[in-house]
Amino acid sequence: MVDLSRLGIALGSGELRVVTGTNPAANGEVNETLGTGVYWELVAVKLTLVQGLTQTPQPILTLDDGATVFWETLGSSAAQAASTTCVYTFAAGQDLTGQVGSGANVHSNAPLPPGILLGPGYRIRTSTLGIGANSDYAAPVLYVVEYA
């Protein structure tokens, strides 16, 4: 848990939540913005990307304060192959891996900084190299400790 008192934020104790974000359209990026009065300790992020016959995308998970990027990482050490579905899992303590599996059952792991606190207006989003009309993210799943 993050010690919010050191930041001058007096909030109650945190509650572990699983938040399903917005499902972007094909060729669209994930973009989740924290609302007013919301503080999250980001525990893990799960992104699922379906890739059709063309393009070889490589997701980058980006965290920003609404204006300035303060952290980003690749979702895999390699671009996703055409005609595959890959689940990218970002969590603290994980090493960046290549993609394991084939077809609709590909997985990759990537690191997330431990104890990262996001506040109102902060965003969790993707910036995907090689994204195209045949690239389609599912709704992201965010594992957070929410402080109110």
N, C-alpha and C. Protein backbone atom coordinates (compact mmCIF):
# COMPACT_ATOMS: atom_id res chain seq x y z
N MET A 1 0.83 -1.19 0.00
CA MET A 1 0.00 0.00 0.00
C MET A 1 0.87 1.25 0.00
N VAL A 2 0.39 2.28 -0.64
CA VAL A 2 1.08 3.55 -0.70
C VAL A 2 0.73 4.37 0.53
N ASP A 3 1.74 5.02 1.15
CA ASP A 3 1.51 5.91 2.29
C ASP A 3 1.12 7.28 1.75
N LEU A 4 -0.19 7.56 1.72
CA LEU A 4 -0.68 8.80 1.16
C LEU A 4 -0.43 10.00 2.06
N SER A 5 -0.22 9.77 3.36
CA SER A 5 -0.01 10.90 4.27
C SER A 5 1.24 11.69 3.91
N ARG A 6 2.24 11.01 3.36
CA ARG A 6 3.46 11.72 2.97
C ARG A 6 3.22 12.67 1.81
N LEU A 7 2.10 12.48 1.10
CA LEU A 7 1.75 13.35 0.00
C LEU A 7 0.74 14.43 0.42
N GLY A 8 0.38 14.42 1.70
CA GLY A 8 -0.60 15.38 2.18
C GLY A 8 -2.02 15.05 1.77
N ILE A 9 -2.26 13.78 1.44
CA ILE A 9 -3.59 13.34 1.02
C ILE A 9 -4.20 12.53 2.15
N ALA A 10 -5.31 13.00 2.68
CA ALA A 10 -5.99 12.31 3.78
C ALA A 10 -7.17 11.53 3.21
N LEU A 11 -6.94 10.29 2.91
CA LEU A 11 -7.99 9.43 2.37
C LEU A 11 -8.16 8.21 3.26
N GLY A 12 -9.28 7.53 3.10
CA GLY A 12 -9.52 6.32 3.85
C GLY A 12 -8.62 5.19 3.38
N SER A 13 -8.83 4.03 3.97
CA SER A 13 -8.01 2.89 3.56
C SER A 13 -8.42 2.43 2.17
N GLY A 14 -7.48 1.78 1.52
CA GLY A 14 -7.70 1.37 0.14
C GLY A 14 -8.52 0.11 0.02
N GLU A 15 -9.16 -0.02 -1.14
CA GLU A 15 -9.96 -1.19 -1.46
C GLU A 15 -9.50 -1.76 -2.79
N LEU A 16 -9.18 -3.06 -2.80
CA LEU A 16 -8.77 -3.72 -4.04
C LEU A 16 -9.96 -3.82 -4.98
N ARG A 17 -9.78 -3.36 -6.21
CA ARG A 17 -10.85 -3.38 -7.20
C ARG A 17 -10.32 -3.91 -8.52
N VAL A 18 -11.21 -4.53 -9.27
CA VAL A 18 -10.93 -4.92 -10.65
C VAL A 18 -11.82 -4.04 -11.51
N VAL A 19 -11.20 -3.21 -12.35
CA VAL A 19 -11.91 -2.23 -13.16
C VAL A 19 -11.79 -2.62 -14.63
N THR A 20 -12.93 -2.79 -15.29
CA THR A 20 -12.93 -3.04 -16.72
C THR A 20 -13.11 -1.70 -17.42
N GLY A 21 -12.17 -1.36 -18.27
CA GLY A 21 -12.20 -0.08 -18.95
C GLY A 21 -13.08 -0.08 -20.18
N THR A 22 -12.90 0.92 -21.01
CA THR A 22 -13.67 1.10 -22.23
C THR A 22 -13.05 0.31 -23.37
N ASN A 23 -13.90 -0.35 -24.14
CA ASN A 23 -13.44 -1.14 -25.28
C ASN A 23 -13.26 -0.20 -26.48
N PRO A 24 -12.01 0.06 -26.90
CA PRO A 24 -11.82 0.96 -28.04
C PRO A 24 -12.20 0.28 -29.36
N ALA A 25 -12.53 1.09 -30.35
CA ALA A 25 -12.84 0.58 -31.69
C ALA A 25 -11.58 -0.01 -32.31
N ALA A 26 -11.75 -0.82 -33.35
CA ALA A 26 -10.60 -1.35 -34.08
C ALA A 26 -9.74 -0.19 -34.55
N ASN A 27 -8.42 -0.38 -34.51
CA ASN A 27 -7.43 0.63 -34.87
C ASN A 27 -7.39 1.76 -33.85
N GLY A 28 -8.03 1.56 -32.68
CA GLY A 28 -8.04 2.56 -31.63
C GLY A 28 -7.14 2.15 -30.48
N GLU A 29 -6.78 3.14 -29.67
CA GLU A 29 -5.90 2.91 -28.53
C GLU A 29 -6.71 2.87 -27.23
N VAL A 30 -6.17 2.19 -26.23
CA VAL A 30 -6.73 2.20 -24.88
C VAL A 30 -6.45 3.57 -24.28
N ASN A 31 -7.45 4.14 -23.60
CA ASN A 31 -7.28 5.45 -22.98
C ASN A 31 -8.25 5.57 -21.81
N GLU A 32 -7.75 5.33 -20.60
CA GLU A 32 -8.56 5.41 -19.39
C GLU A 32 -8.10 6.60 -18.56
N THR A 33 -9.03 7.46 -18.15
CA THR A 33 -8.72 8.65 -17.36
C THR A 33 -9.38 8.55 -16.00
N LEU A 34 -8.61 8.81 -14.94
CA LEU A 34 -9.16 8.78 -13.59
C LEU A 34 -10.02 10.02 -13.36
N GLY A 35 -11.16 9.82 -12.72
CA GLY A 35 -12.09 10.91 -12.46
C GLY A 35 -11.71 11.74 -11.24
N THR A 36 -12.49 12.76 -10.98
CA THR A 36 -12.29 13.66 -9.85
C THR A 36 -12.37 12.88 -8.53
N GLY A 37 -11.42 13.14 -7.66
CA GLY A 37 -11.42 12.52 -6.33
C GLY A 37 -10.99 11.06 -6.31
N VAL A 38 -10.51 10.53 -7.45
CA VAL A 38 -10.11 9.12 -7.53
C VAL A 38 -8.59 9.01 -7.46
N TYR A 39 -8.12 8.15 -6.56
CA TYR A 39 -6.69 7.84 -6.45
C TYR A 39 -6.54 6.33 -6.54
N TRP A 40 -5.67 5.88 -7.44
CA TRP A 40 -5.44 4.46 -7.61
C TRP A 40 -3.97 4.14 -7.42
N GLU A 41 -3.72 3.07 -6.68
CA GLU A 41 -2.41 2.42 -6.71
C GLU A 41 -2.55 1.33 -7.77
N LEU A 42 -1.78 1.44 -8.84
CA LEU A 42 -1.90 0.52 -9.95
C LEU A 42 -1.15 -0.77 -9.64
N VAL A 43 -1.87 -1.89 -9.60
CA VAL A 43 -1.29 -3.19 -9.25
C VAL A 43 -0.94 -3.98 -10.52
N ALA A 44 -1.86 -4.02 -11.47
CA ALA A 44 -1.63 -4.77 -12.71
C ALA A 44 -2.56 -4.26 -13.79
N VAL A 45 -2.14 -4.47 -15.04
CA VAL A 45 -2.94 -4.11 -16.21
C VAL A 45 -2.92 -5.30 -17.15
N LYS A 46 -4.11 -5.66 -17.65
CA LYS A 46 -4.21 -6.74 -18.64
C LYS A 46 -4.81 -6.16 -19.91
N LEU A 47 -4.05 -6.29 -21.01
CA LEU A 47 -4.51 -5.84 -22.32
C LEU A 47 -4.59 -7.04 -23.25
N THR A 48 -5.68 -7.16 -23.98
CA THR A 48 -5.82 -8.21 -24.99
C THR A 48 -5.91 -7.54 -26.34
N LEU A 49 -5.04 -7.95 -27.26
CA LEU A 49 -5.00 -7.37 -28.60
C LEU A 49 -5.19 -8.47 -29.64
N VAL A 50 -6.25 -8.35 -30.43
CA VAL A 50 -6.51 -9.26 -31.54
C VAL A 50 -5.91 -8.63 -32.79
N GLN A 51 -5.10 -9.40 -33.50
CA GLN A 51 -4.46 -8.91 -34.72
C GLN A 51 -4.90 -9.75 -35.89
N GLY A 52 -5.38 -9.10 -36.93
CA GLY A 52 -5.85 -9.79 -38.14
C GLY A 52 -4.72 -10.18 -39.07
N LEU A 53 -5.02 -10.25 -40.34
CA LEU A 53 -4.09 -10.76 -41.35
C LEU A 53 -2.90 -9.86 -41.64
N THR A 54 -3.04 -8.58 -41.36
CA THR A 54 -1.94 -7.66 -41.64
C THR A 54 -1.54 -6.91 -40.38
N GLN A 55 -0.47 -6.19 -40.44
CA GLN A 55 0.14 -5.44 -39.34
C GLN A 55 0.79 -6.37 -38.31
N THR A 56 1.80 -5.85 -37.68
CA THR A 56 2.49 -6.54 -36.59
C THR A 56 2.68 -5.52 -35.48
N PRO A 57 1.65 -5.29 -34.66
CA PRO A 57 1.69 -4.24 -33.65
C PRO A 57 2.59 -4.58 -32.47
N GLN A 58 3.03 -3.54 -31.79
CA GLN A 58 3.82 -3.71 -30.56
C GLN A 58 3.32 -2.66 -29.56
N PRO A 59 2.48 -3.10 -28.60
CA PRO A 59 1.90 -2.16 -27.64
C PRO A 59 2.94 -1.55 -26.69
N ILE A 60 2.72 -0.28 -26.39
CA ILE A 60 3.46 0.42 -25.35
C ILE A 60 2.43 0.91 -24.34
N LEU A 61 2.58 0.52 -23.07
CA LEU A 61 1.71 1.02 -22.01
C LEU A 61 2.29 2.33 -21.51
N THR A 62 1.45 3.36 -21.44
CA THR A 62 1.89 4.70 -21.08
C THR A 62 1.08 5.22 -19.90
N LEU A 63 1.77 5.82 -18.94
CA LEU A 63 1.11 6.49 -17.81
C LEU A 63 1.47 7.96 -17.89
N ASP A 64 0.44 8.83 -17.75
CA ASP A 64 0.71 10.26 -17.74
C ASP A 64 -0.22 10.96 -16.76
N ASP A 65 0.10 12.22 -16.48
CA ASP A 65 -0.70 13.01 -15.53
C ASP A 65 -1.77 13.83 -16.24
N GLY A 66 -2.10 13.47 -17.46
CA GLY A 66 -3.06 14.19 -18.26
C GLY A 66 -2.37 15.06 -19.29
N ALA A 67 -1.07 15.28 -19.12
CA ALA A 67 -0.32 16.11 -20.06
C ALA A 67 1.07 15.55 -20.33
N THR A 68 1.75 15.11 -19.28
CA THR A 68 3.15 14.70 -19.39
C THR A 68 3.31 13.21 -19.10
N VAL A 69 3.92 12.50 -20.02
CA VAL A 69 4.21 11.07 -19.82
C VAL A 69 5.31 10.95 -18.76
N PHE A 70 5.07 10.12 -17.73
CA PHE A 70 6.10 9.91 -16.72
C PHE A 70 6.57 8.47 -16.68
N TRP A 71 5.92 7.57 -17.43
CA TRP A 71 6.39 6.18 -17.48
C TRP A 71 5.78 5.49 -18.69
N GLU A 72 6.59 4.65 -19.35
CA GLU A 72 6.08 3.82 -20.44
C GLU A 72 6.98 2.60 -20.60
N THR A 73 6.38 1.53 -21.09
CA THR A 73 7.14 0.32 -21.36
C THR A 73 6.49 -0.47 -22.49
N LEU A 74 7.30 -1.19 -23.21
CA LEU A 74 6.79 -2.10 -24.23
C LEU A 74 6.04 -3.25 -23.56
N GLY A 75 5.06 -3.82 -24.26
CA GLY A 75 4.32 -4.96 -23.74
C GLY A 75 5.00 -6.29 -24.01
N SER A 76 6.00 -6.26 -24.88
CA SER A 76 6.70 -7.48 -25.26
C SER A 76 8.04 -7.08 -25.87
N SER A 77 8.97 -7.99 -25.86
CA SER A 77 10.27 -7.72 -26.48
C SER A 77 10.22 -7.88 -28.00
N ALA A 78 9.06 -8.29 -28.54
CA ALA A 78 8.91 -8.48 -29.99
C ALA A 78 7.53 -8.02 -30.42
N ALA A 79 7.40 -7.66 -31.68
CA ALA A 79 6.10 -7.28 -32.24
C ALA A 79 5.19 -8.50 -32.31
N GLN A 80 3.89 -8.27 -32.21
CA GLN A 80 2.91 -9.33 -32.29
C GLN A 80 2.75 -9.79 -33.74
N ALA A 81 2.71 -11.07 -33.94
CA ALA A 81 2.55 -11.62 -35.29
C ALA A 81 1.13 -11.42 -35.81
N ALA A 82 0.99 -11.38 -37.12
CA ALA A 82 -0.33 -11.30 -37.74
C ALA A 82 -1.13 -12.55 -37.40
N SER A 83 -2.45 -12.41 -37.39
CA SER A 83 -3.38 -13.52 -37.14
C SER A 83 -3.19 -14.17 -35.78
N THR A 84 -2.94 -13.34 -34.75
CA THR A 84 -2.81 -13.85 -33.38
C THR A 84 -3.60 -12.97 -32.42
N THR A 85 -3.88 -13.52 -31.25
CA THR A 85 -4.46 -12.77 -30.14
C THR A 85 -3.49 -12.90 -28.99
N CYS A 86 -3.04 -11.76 -28.47
CA CYS A 86 -2.06 -11.78 -27.38
C CYS A 86 -2.62 -11.08 -26.15
N VAL A 87 -2.42 -11.70 -24.99
CA VAL A 87 -2.75 -11.10 -23.70
C VAL A 87 -1.46 -10.56 -23.12
N TYR A 88 -1.41 -9.25 -22.91
CA TYR A 88 -0.25 -8.57 -22.32
C TYR A 88 -0.57 -8.29 -20.87
N THR A 89 0.27 -8.80 -19.95
CA THR A 89 0.07 -8.57 -18.53
C THR A 89 1.22 -7.74 -17.98
N PHE A 90 0.88 -6.59 -17.42
CA PHE A 90 1.86 -5.68 -16.81
C PHE A 90 1.67 -5.74 -15.30
N ALA A 91 2.75 -6.02 -14.55
CA ALA A 91 2.67 -6.05 -13.10
C ALA A 91 4.07 -5.85 -12.52
N ALA A 92 4.12 -5.35 -11.30
CA ALA A 92 5.40 -5.13 -10.62
C ALA A 92 6.13 -6.46 -10.45
N GLY A 93 7.42 -6.42 -10.62
CA GLY A 93 8.26 -7.60 -10.40
C GLY A 93 8.38 -8.52 -11.59
N GLN A 94 7.68 -8.22 -12.68
CA GLN A 94 7.78 -9.06 -13.87
C GLN A 94 8.88 -8.55 -14.78
N ASP A 95 9.53 -9.46 -15.45
CA ASP A 95 10.50 -9.10 -16.48
C ASP A 95 9.78 -8.99 -17.81
N LEU A 96 10.33 -8.20 -18.72
CA LEU A 96 9.81 -8.11 -20.07
C LEU A 96 10.11 -9.42 -20.79
N THR A 97 9.07 -10.03 -21.37
CA THR A 97 9.26 -11.29 -22.08
C THR A 97 8.90 -11.13 -23.54
N GLY A 98 9.26 -12.13 -24.31
CA GLY A 98 8.77 -12.25 -25.67
C GLY A 98 7.38 -12.85 -25.60
N GLN A 99 6.83 -13.19 -26.74
CA GLN A 99 5.50 -13.77 -26.78
C GLN A 99 5.60 -15.29 -26.80
N VAL A 100 4.74 -15.91 -25.99
CA VAL A 100 4.72 -17.35 -25.85
C VAL A 100 3.35 -17.85 -26.29
N GLY A 101 3.32 -18.85 -27.13
CA GLY A 101 2.06 -19.42 -27.59
C GLY A 101 1.87 -19.16 -29.07
N SER A 102 0.67 -19.49 -29.56
CA SER A 102 0.38 -19.27 -30.98
C SER A 102 -1.12 -19.07 -31.17
N GLY A 103 -1.47 -18.55 -32.35
CA GLY A 103 -2.88 -18.35 -32.70
C GLY A 103 -3.60 -17.43 -31.74
N ALA A 104 -4.68 -17.93 -31.15
CA ALA A 104 -5.49 -17.14 -30.23
C ALA A 104 -5.03 -17.27 -28.78
N ASN A 105 -3.88 -17.88 -28.56
CA ASN A 105 -3.42 -18.17 -27.19
C ASN A 105 -1.97 -17.74 -27.01
N VAL A 106 -1.71 -16.43 -27.19
CA VAL A 106 -0.36 -15.89 -27.04
C VAL A 106 -0.34 -15.02 -25.79
N HIS A 107 0.76 -15.07 -25.05
CA HIS A 107 0.89 -14.29 -23.81
C HIS A 107 2.25 -13.63 -23.74
N SER A 108 2.28 -12.48 -23.07
CA SER A 108 3.52 -11.76 -22.84
C SER A 108 3.42 -11.01 -21.51
N ASN A 109 4.54 -10.89 -20.81
CA ASN A 109 4.59 -10.17 -19.53
C ASN A 109 5.50 -8.96 -19.65
N ALA A 110 5.19 -7.94 -18.85
CA ALA A 110 5.99 -6.72 -18.84
C ALA A 110 5.96 -6.10 -17.45
N PRO A 111 6.99 -5.32 -17.12
CA PRO A 111 7.05 -4.73 -15.78
C PRO A 111 6.14 -3.52 -15.61
N LEU A 112 5.79 -3.28 -14.37
CA LEU A 112 5.04 -2.10 -13.95
C LEU A 112 5.75 -1.61 -12.69
N PRO A 113 5.94 -0.30 -12.52
CA PRO A 113 6.64 0.16 -11.32
C PRO A 113 5.81 -0.16 -10.07
N PRO A 114 6.45 -0.63 -9.00
CA PRO A 114 5.69 -0.95 -7.78
C PRO A 114 5.24 0.32 -7.07
N GLY A 115 4.06 0.27 -6.46
CA GLY A 115 3.57 1.37 -5.63
C GLY A 115 3.29 2.66 -6.37
N ILE A 116 2.95 2.58 -7.66
CA ILE A 116 2.70 3.81 -8.41
C ILE A 116 1.30 4.33 -8.11
N LEU A 117 1.22 5.60 -7.74
CA LEU A 117 -0.05 6.23 -7.37
C LEU A 117 -0.50 7.16 -8.49
N LEU A 118 -1.73 6.96 -8.93
CA LEU A 118 -2.33 7.80 -9.97
C LEU A 118 -3.46 8.61 -9.35
N GLY A 119 -3.55 9.87 -9.72
CA GLY A 119 -4.58 10.75 -9.16
C GLY A 119 -5.56 11.23 -10.20
N PRO A 120 -6.46 12.14 -9.81
CA PRO A 120 -7.47 12.66 -10.73
C PRO A 120 -6.83 13.22 -12.02
N GLY A 121 -7.39 12.84 -13.16
CA GLY A 121 -6.89 13.32 -14.44
C GLY A 121 -5.75 12.50 -15.02
N TYR A 122 -5.17 11.60 -14.23
CA TYR A 122 -4.09 10.75 -14.74
C TYR A 122 -4.68 9.76 -15.74
N ARG A 123 -3.84 9.32 -16.68
CA ARG A 123 -4.32 8.40 -17.71
C ARG A 123 -3.47 7.14 -17.80
N ILE A 124 -4.14 6.05 -18.13
CA ILE A 124 -3.52 4.77 -18.46
C ILE A 124 -3.89 4.54 -19.91
N ARG A 125 -2.89 4.49 -20.78
CA ARG A 125 -3.22 4.41 -22.21
C ARG A 125 -2.16 3.61 -22.96
N THR A 126 -2.47 3.34 -24.21
CA THR A 126 -1.51 2.65 -25.07
C THR A 126 -1.09 3.58 -26.19
N SER A 127 0.08 3.30 -26.70
CA SER A 127 0.60 3.93 -27.90
C SER A 127 1.24 2.78 -28.66
N THR A 128 0.56 2.30 -29.69
CA THR A 128 0.93 1.03 -30.30
C THR A 128 1.68 1.23 -31.62
N LEU A 129 2.92 0.75 -31.64
CA LEU A 129 3.70 0.78 -32.87
C LEU A 129 3.06 -0.17 -33.87
N GLY A 130 2.89 0.23 -35.11
CA GLY A 130 2.39 -0.65 -36.15
C GLY A 130 0.91 -0.98 -36.08
N ILE A 131 0.13 -0.20 -35.31
CA ILE A 131 -1.31 -0.48 -35.23
C ILE A 131 -1.96 -0.18 -36.58
N GLY A 132 -3.03 -0.91 -36.89
CA GLY A 132 -3.72 -0.70 -38.15
C GLY A 132 -5.16 -1.12 -38.08
N ALA A 133 -5.83 -1.10 -39.21
CA ALA A 133 -7.27 -1.40 -39.28
C ALA A 133 -7.61 -2.78 -38.74
N ASN A 134 -6.66 -3.71 -38.79
CA ASN A 134 -6.91 -5.08 -38.32
C ASN A 134 -6.46 -5.32 -36.89
N SER A 135 -6.09 -4.26 -36.17
CA SER A 135 -5.67 -4.36 -34.77
C SER A 135 -6.85 -3.95 -33.89
N ASP A 136 -7.21 -4.79 -32.91
CA ASP A 136 -8.40 -4.50 -32.10
C ASP A 136 -8.17 -4.89 -30.64
N TYR A 137 -8.06 -3.88 -29.77
CA TYR A 137 -7.96 -4.11 -28.34
C TYR A 137 -9.33 -4.45 -27.75
N ALA A 138 -9.35 -5.36 -26.80
CA ALA A 138 -10.53 -5.57 -25.96
C ALA A 138 -10.49 -4.51 -24.85
N ALA A 139 -11.54 -4.43 -24.08
CA ALA A 139 -11.55 -3.51 -22.94
C ALA A 139 -10.41 -3.89 -21.99
N PRO A 140 -9.61 -2.92 -21.54
CA PRO A 140 -8.54 -3.26 -20.60
C PRO A 140 -9.10 -3.66 -19.24
N VAL A 141 -8.35 -4.49 -18.53
CA VAL A 141 -8.71 -4.86 -17.16
C VAL A 141 -7.62 -4.33 -16.25
N LEU A 142 -8.03 -3.49 -15.29
CA LEU A 142 -7.10 -2.82 -14.39
C LEU A 142 -7.31 -3.35 -12.97
N TYR A 143 -6.22 -3.75 -12.35
CA TYR A 143 -6.25 -4.21 -10.96
C TYR A 143 -5.65 -3.08 -10.14
N VAL A 144 -6.47 -2.49 -9.25
CA VAL A 144 -6.06 -1.29 -8.54
C VAL A 144 -6.44 -1.38 -7.07
N VAL A 145 -5.74 -0.59 -6.25
CA VAL A 145 -6.22 -0.31 -4.90
C VAL A 145 -6.76 1.11 -4.98
N GLU A 146 -8.05 1.25 -4.72
CA GLU A 146 -8.70 2.57 -4.83
C GLU A 146 -8.82 3.21 -3.46
N TYR A 147 -8.43 4.47 -3.40
CA TYR A 147 -8.52 5.25 -2.18
C TYR A 147 -9.60 6.31 -2.35
N ALA A 148 -10.47 6.43 -1.34
CA ALA A 148 -11.55 7.41 -1.42
C ALA A 148 -11.56 8.29 -0.19
